[in-house]
Amino acid sequence: MKKLLLLSLFALVAFMGNAQHKDDKSKRPSPPAVASATVNGASIKIDYSQPAVKGRNVWAGDLAPYGKVWRTGANEATVFEVSKDVTVEGKALKAGKYALFSIPNEKEWVIIFNKKSNQWGAYDYKEADDALRVIVPAKAHDFTERFTISAANSGKVTLAWDKVAVDFTVK
């Protein structure tokens, strides 16, 4: 009986330790990151994870393939939160929390703000839940090993990875 109790206790401790490790985003291969800015009094916060190129072709295969909806980062879907109503590329976006998805292509990207902010990856993505879509040009960029989002108080948001970057403007 003591052996069974001890074994059960050991299993519980191991499970709890593993669960805590899983919830600790800093221990994941794609570390967490946050980009933030204040644009015309609106606070913008973008919470995402940073996958790495690691010598792979990110635009082929299953990392961020051209023509397919991508979570715009790694792990959970990237969350774009804005404290006030804004415009993105001149189109209205209400204050709130959104999942930030994209559809990368060689010459342009579709940037998607989806109403369901709490999603794992793009597995449950539904176009019917989109609040806004904008199309922005892709451009050549200095090599960036880890996917990086930057946000400036001017309203310029940049997504950069590999040798590609896209910008969109929030006002």
Protein backbone atom coordinates (compact mmCIF):
# COMPACT_ATOMS: atom_id res chain seq x y z
CA MET A 1 0.00 0.00 0.00
CA LYS A 2 2.83 2.38 0.86
CA LYS A 3 4.46 1.67 -2.50
CA LEU A 4 1.22 2.46 -4.32
CA LEU A 5 0.77 5.70 -2.37
CA LEU A 6 4.40 6.70 -2.97
CA LEU A 7 4.12 5.87 -6.68
CA SER A 8 0.90 7.91 -6.96
CA LEU A 9 2.51 10.87 -5.20
CA PHE A 10 5.54 10.69 -7.49
CA ALA A 11 3.29 10.59 -10.57
CA LEU A 12 1.32 13.61 -9.32
CA VAL A 13 4.48 15.64 -8.66
CA ALA A 14 5.87 14.73 -12.10
CA PHE A 15 2.58 15.69 -13.77
CA MET A 16 2.38 19.03 -11.94
CA GLY A 17 5.98 19.85 -12.79
CA ASN A 18 5.37 19.07 -16.45
CA ALA A 19 2.16 21.13 -16.50
CA GLN A 20 3.97 24.12 -15.03
CA HIS A 21 6.75 23.77 -17.59
CA LYS A 22 4.17 23.64 -20.39
CA ASP A 23 2.56 26.88 -19.16
CA ASP A 24 5.94 28.62 -18.83
CA LYS A 25 6.19 30.25 -22.25
CA SER A 26 9.84 31.21 -21.68
CA LYS A 27 10.83 27.52 -21.80
CA ARG A 28 9.35 26.93 -25.26
CA PRO A 29 11.54 26.70 -28.39
CA SER A 30 9.71 29.74 -29.81
CA PRO A 31 10.02 32.29 -26.99
CA PRO A 32 7.32 34.82 -26.14
CA ALA A 33 7.57 38.47 -27.13
CA VAL A 34 5.47 41.63 -26.88
CA ALA A 35 5.38 44.68 -29.13
CA SER A 36 3.56 47.77 -27.91
CA ALA A 37 2.97 51.36 -28.83
CA THR A 38 0.65 54.28 -28.15
CA VAL A 39 -0.93 55.69 -31.29
CA ASN A 40 -3.11 58.81 -30.99
CA GLY A 41 -3.98 57.86 -27.40
CA ALA A 42 -4.75 54.23 -28.24
CA SER A 43 -2.60 51.59 -26.54
CA ILE A 44 -1.59 48.74 -28.83
CA LYS A 45 -0.20 45.49 -27.48
CA ILE A 46 0.83 42.55 -29.66
CA ASP A 47 1.56 39.32 -27.76
CA TYR A 48 3.23 36.62 -29.87
CA SER A 49 5.84 33.85 -29.99
CA GLN A 50 9.00 33.98 -32.11
CA PRO A 51 9.75 30.96 -34.30
CA ALA A 52 13.24 30.76 -35.80
CA VAL A 53 14.34 30.11 -39.38
CA LYS A 54 16.94 27.49 -38.33
CA GLY A 55 18.09 27.09 -41.94
CA ARG A 56 14.61 26.17 -43.19
CA ASN A 57 12.57 27.65 -46.04
CA VAL A 58 9.80 29.20 -43.94
CA TRP A 59 7.60 30.00 -46.94
CA ALA A 60 7.44 26.38 -48.16
CA GLY A 61 6.25 23.39 -46.16
CA ASP A 62 4.26 23.96 -43.00
CA LEU A 63 5.94 26.89 -41.18
CA ALA A 64 4.31 29.88 -42.93
CA PRO A 65 3.46 28.67 -46.44
CA TYR A 66 2.49 31.12 -49.12
CA GLY A 67 -1.25 31.27 -49.77
CA LYS A 68 -2.35 29.73 -46.46
CA VAL A 69 -3.62 31.25 -43.21
CA TRP A 70 -0.74 31.48 -40.72
CA ARG A 71 -0.93 32.16 -36.96
CA THR A 72 1.63 34.97 -37.49
CA GLY A 73 4.07 33.59 -34.97
CA ALA A 74 4.21 30.29 -33.11
CA ASN A 75 2.25 28.45 -30.43
CA GLU A 76 -0.99 30.28 -29.59
CA ALA A 77 -2.35 32.66 -32.19
CA THR A 78 -0.79 36.11 -31.93
CA VAL A 79 -3.02 38.51 -29.97
CA PHE A 80 -3.47 42.11 -31.15
CA GLU A 81 -5.10 44.29 -28.49
CA VAL A 82 -6.12 47.92 -28.91
CA SER A 83 -7.65 50.13 -26.21
CA LYS A 84 -9.61 52.47 -28.51
CA ASP A 85 -11.25 52.34 -31.93
CA VAL A 86 -8.59 52.76 -34.63
CA THR A 87 -8.13 52.39 -38.35
CA VAL A 88 -5.77 49.88 -39.92
CA GLU A 89 -4.71 50.83 -43.42
CA GLY A 90 -7.66 53.26 -43.41
CA LYS A 91 -10.26 50.63 -42.38
CA ALA A 92 -12.09 50.75 -39.05
CA LEU A 93 -11.19 48.36 -36.23
CA LYS A 94 -13.06 48.57 -32.91
CA ALA A 95 -11.27 48.52 -29.56
CA GLY A 96 -10.70 44.99 -28.31
CA LYS A 97 -8.63 41.82 -28.50
CA TYR A 98 -8.11 40.01 -31.79
CA ALA A 99 -6.17 37.02 -33.05
CA LEU A 100 -3.71 38.34 -35.64
CA PHE A 101 -3.47 35.99 -38.60
CA SER A 102 -1.93 36.54 -42.00
CA ILE A 103 -1.77 34.97 -45.42
CA PRO A 104 1.79 35.43 -46.67
CA ASN A 105 2.43 35.64 -50.39
CA GLU A 106 5.50 36.59 -52.37
CA LYS A 107 4.32 40.10 -53.33
CA GLU A 108 1.65 40.92 -50.74
CA TRP A 109 0.21 39.67 -47.47
CA VAL A 110 -3.34 39.62 -46.16
CA ILE A 111 -3.37 40.81 -42.54
CA ILE A 112 -6.34 39.40 -40.62
CA PHE A 113 -7.87 40.56 -37.33
CA ASN A 114 -10.05 37.70 -36.08
CA LYS A 115 -12.64 38.15 -33.30
CA LYS A 116 -11.62 34.92 -31.50
CA SER A 117 -8.43 36.00 -29.75
CA ASN A 118 -7.91 32.83 -27.70
CA GLN A 119 -6.90 30.17 -30.24
CA TRP A 120 -4.05 27.68 -30.53
CA GLY A 121 -2.34 28.25 -33.85
CA ALA A 122 -4.64 28.58 -36.83
CA TYR A 123 -6.31 25.19 -36.38
CA ASP A 124 -9.70 26.61 -35.36
CA TYR A 125 -9.50 29.71 -37.58
CA LYS A 126 -12.77 30.60 -39.31
CA GLU A 127 -12.99 33.39 -41.87
CA ALA A 128 -16.55 34.10 -40.67
CA ASP A 129 -14.99 35.39 -37.41
CA ASP A 130 -12.81 37.99 -39.15
CA ALA A 131 -13.33 41.55 -37.98
CA LEU A 132 -11.01 43.05 -40.60
CA ARG A 133 -8.73 42.09 -43.47
CA VAL A 134 -6.21 44.39 -45.15
CA ILE A 135 -3.72 43.72 -47.93
CA VAL A 136 -0.18 45.10 -47.66
CA PRO A 137 2.88 44.77 -49.90
CA ALA A 138 5.74 42.44 -48.99
CA LYS A 139 9.25 43.78 -49.31
CA ALA A 140 12.81 42.48 -49.17
CA HIS A 141 14.35 42.93 -45.73
CA ASP A 142 17.61 42.20 -43.95
CA PHE A 143 17.72 38.61 -42.71
CA THR A 144 15.84 38.17 -39.42
CA GLU A 145 16.39 34.77 -37.74
CA ARG A 146 13.49 35.04 -35.28
CA PHE A 147 10.07 36.26 -36.37
CA THR A 148 9.81 39.79 -35.00
CA ILE A 149 6.95 42.26 -34.67
CA SER A 150 7.70 45.91 -33.96
CA ALA A 151 5.22 48.67 -33.25
CA ALA A 152 6.05 52.38 -33.33
CA ASN A 153 4.16 55.29 -31.79
CA SER A 154 3.81 56.60 -35.35
CA GLY A 155 1.40 53.70 -35.94
CA LYS A 156 3.70 51.62 -38.14
CA VAL A 157 3.59 47.91 -37.31
CA THR A 158 6.22 45.72 -38.97
CA LEU A 159 6.29 41.94 -39.25
CA ALA A 160 9.78 40.69 -40.21
CA TRP A 161 11.10 37.17 -40.72
CA ASP A 162 13.69 35.56 -42.92
CA LYS A 163 14.35 38.08 -45.73
CA VAL A 164 10.78 39.50 -45.83
CA ALA A 165 8.93 42.29 -44.03
CA VAL A 166 5.44 43.73 -44.23
CA ASP A 167 4.16 46.93 -42.66
CA PHE A 168 0.68 48.10 -41.80
CA THR A 169 -0.40 51.40 -40.33
CA VAL A 170 -2.63 51.90 -37.31
CA LYS A 171 -4.15 55.37 -36.74
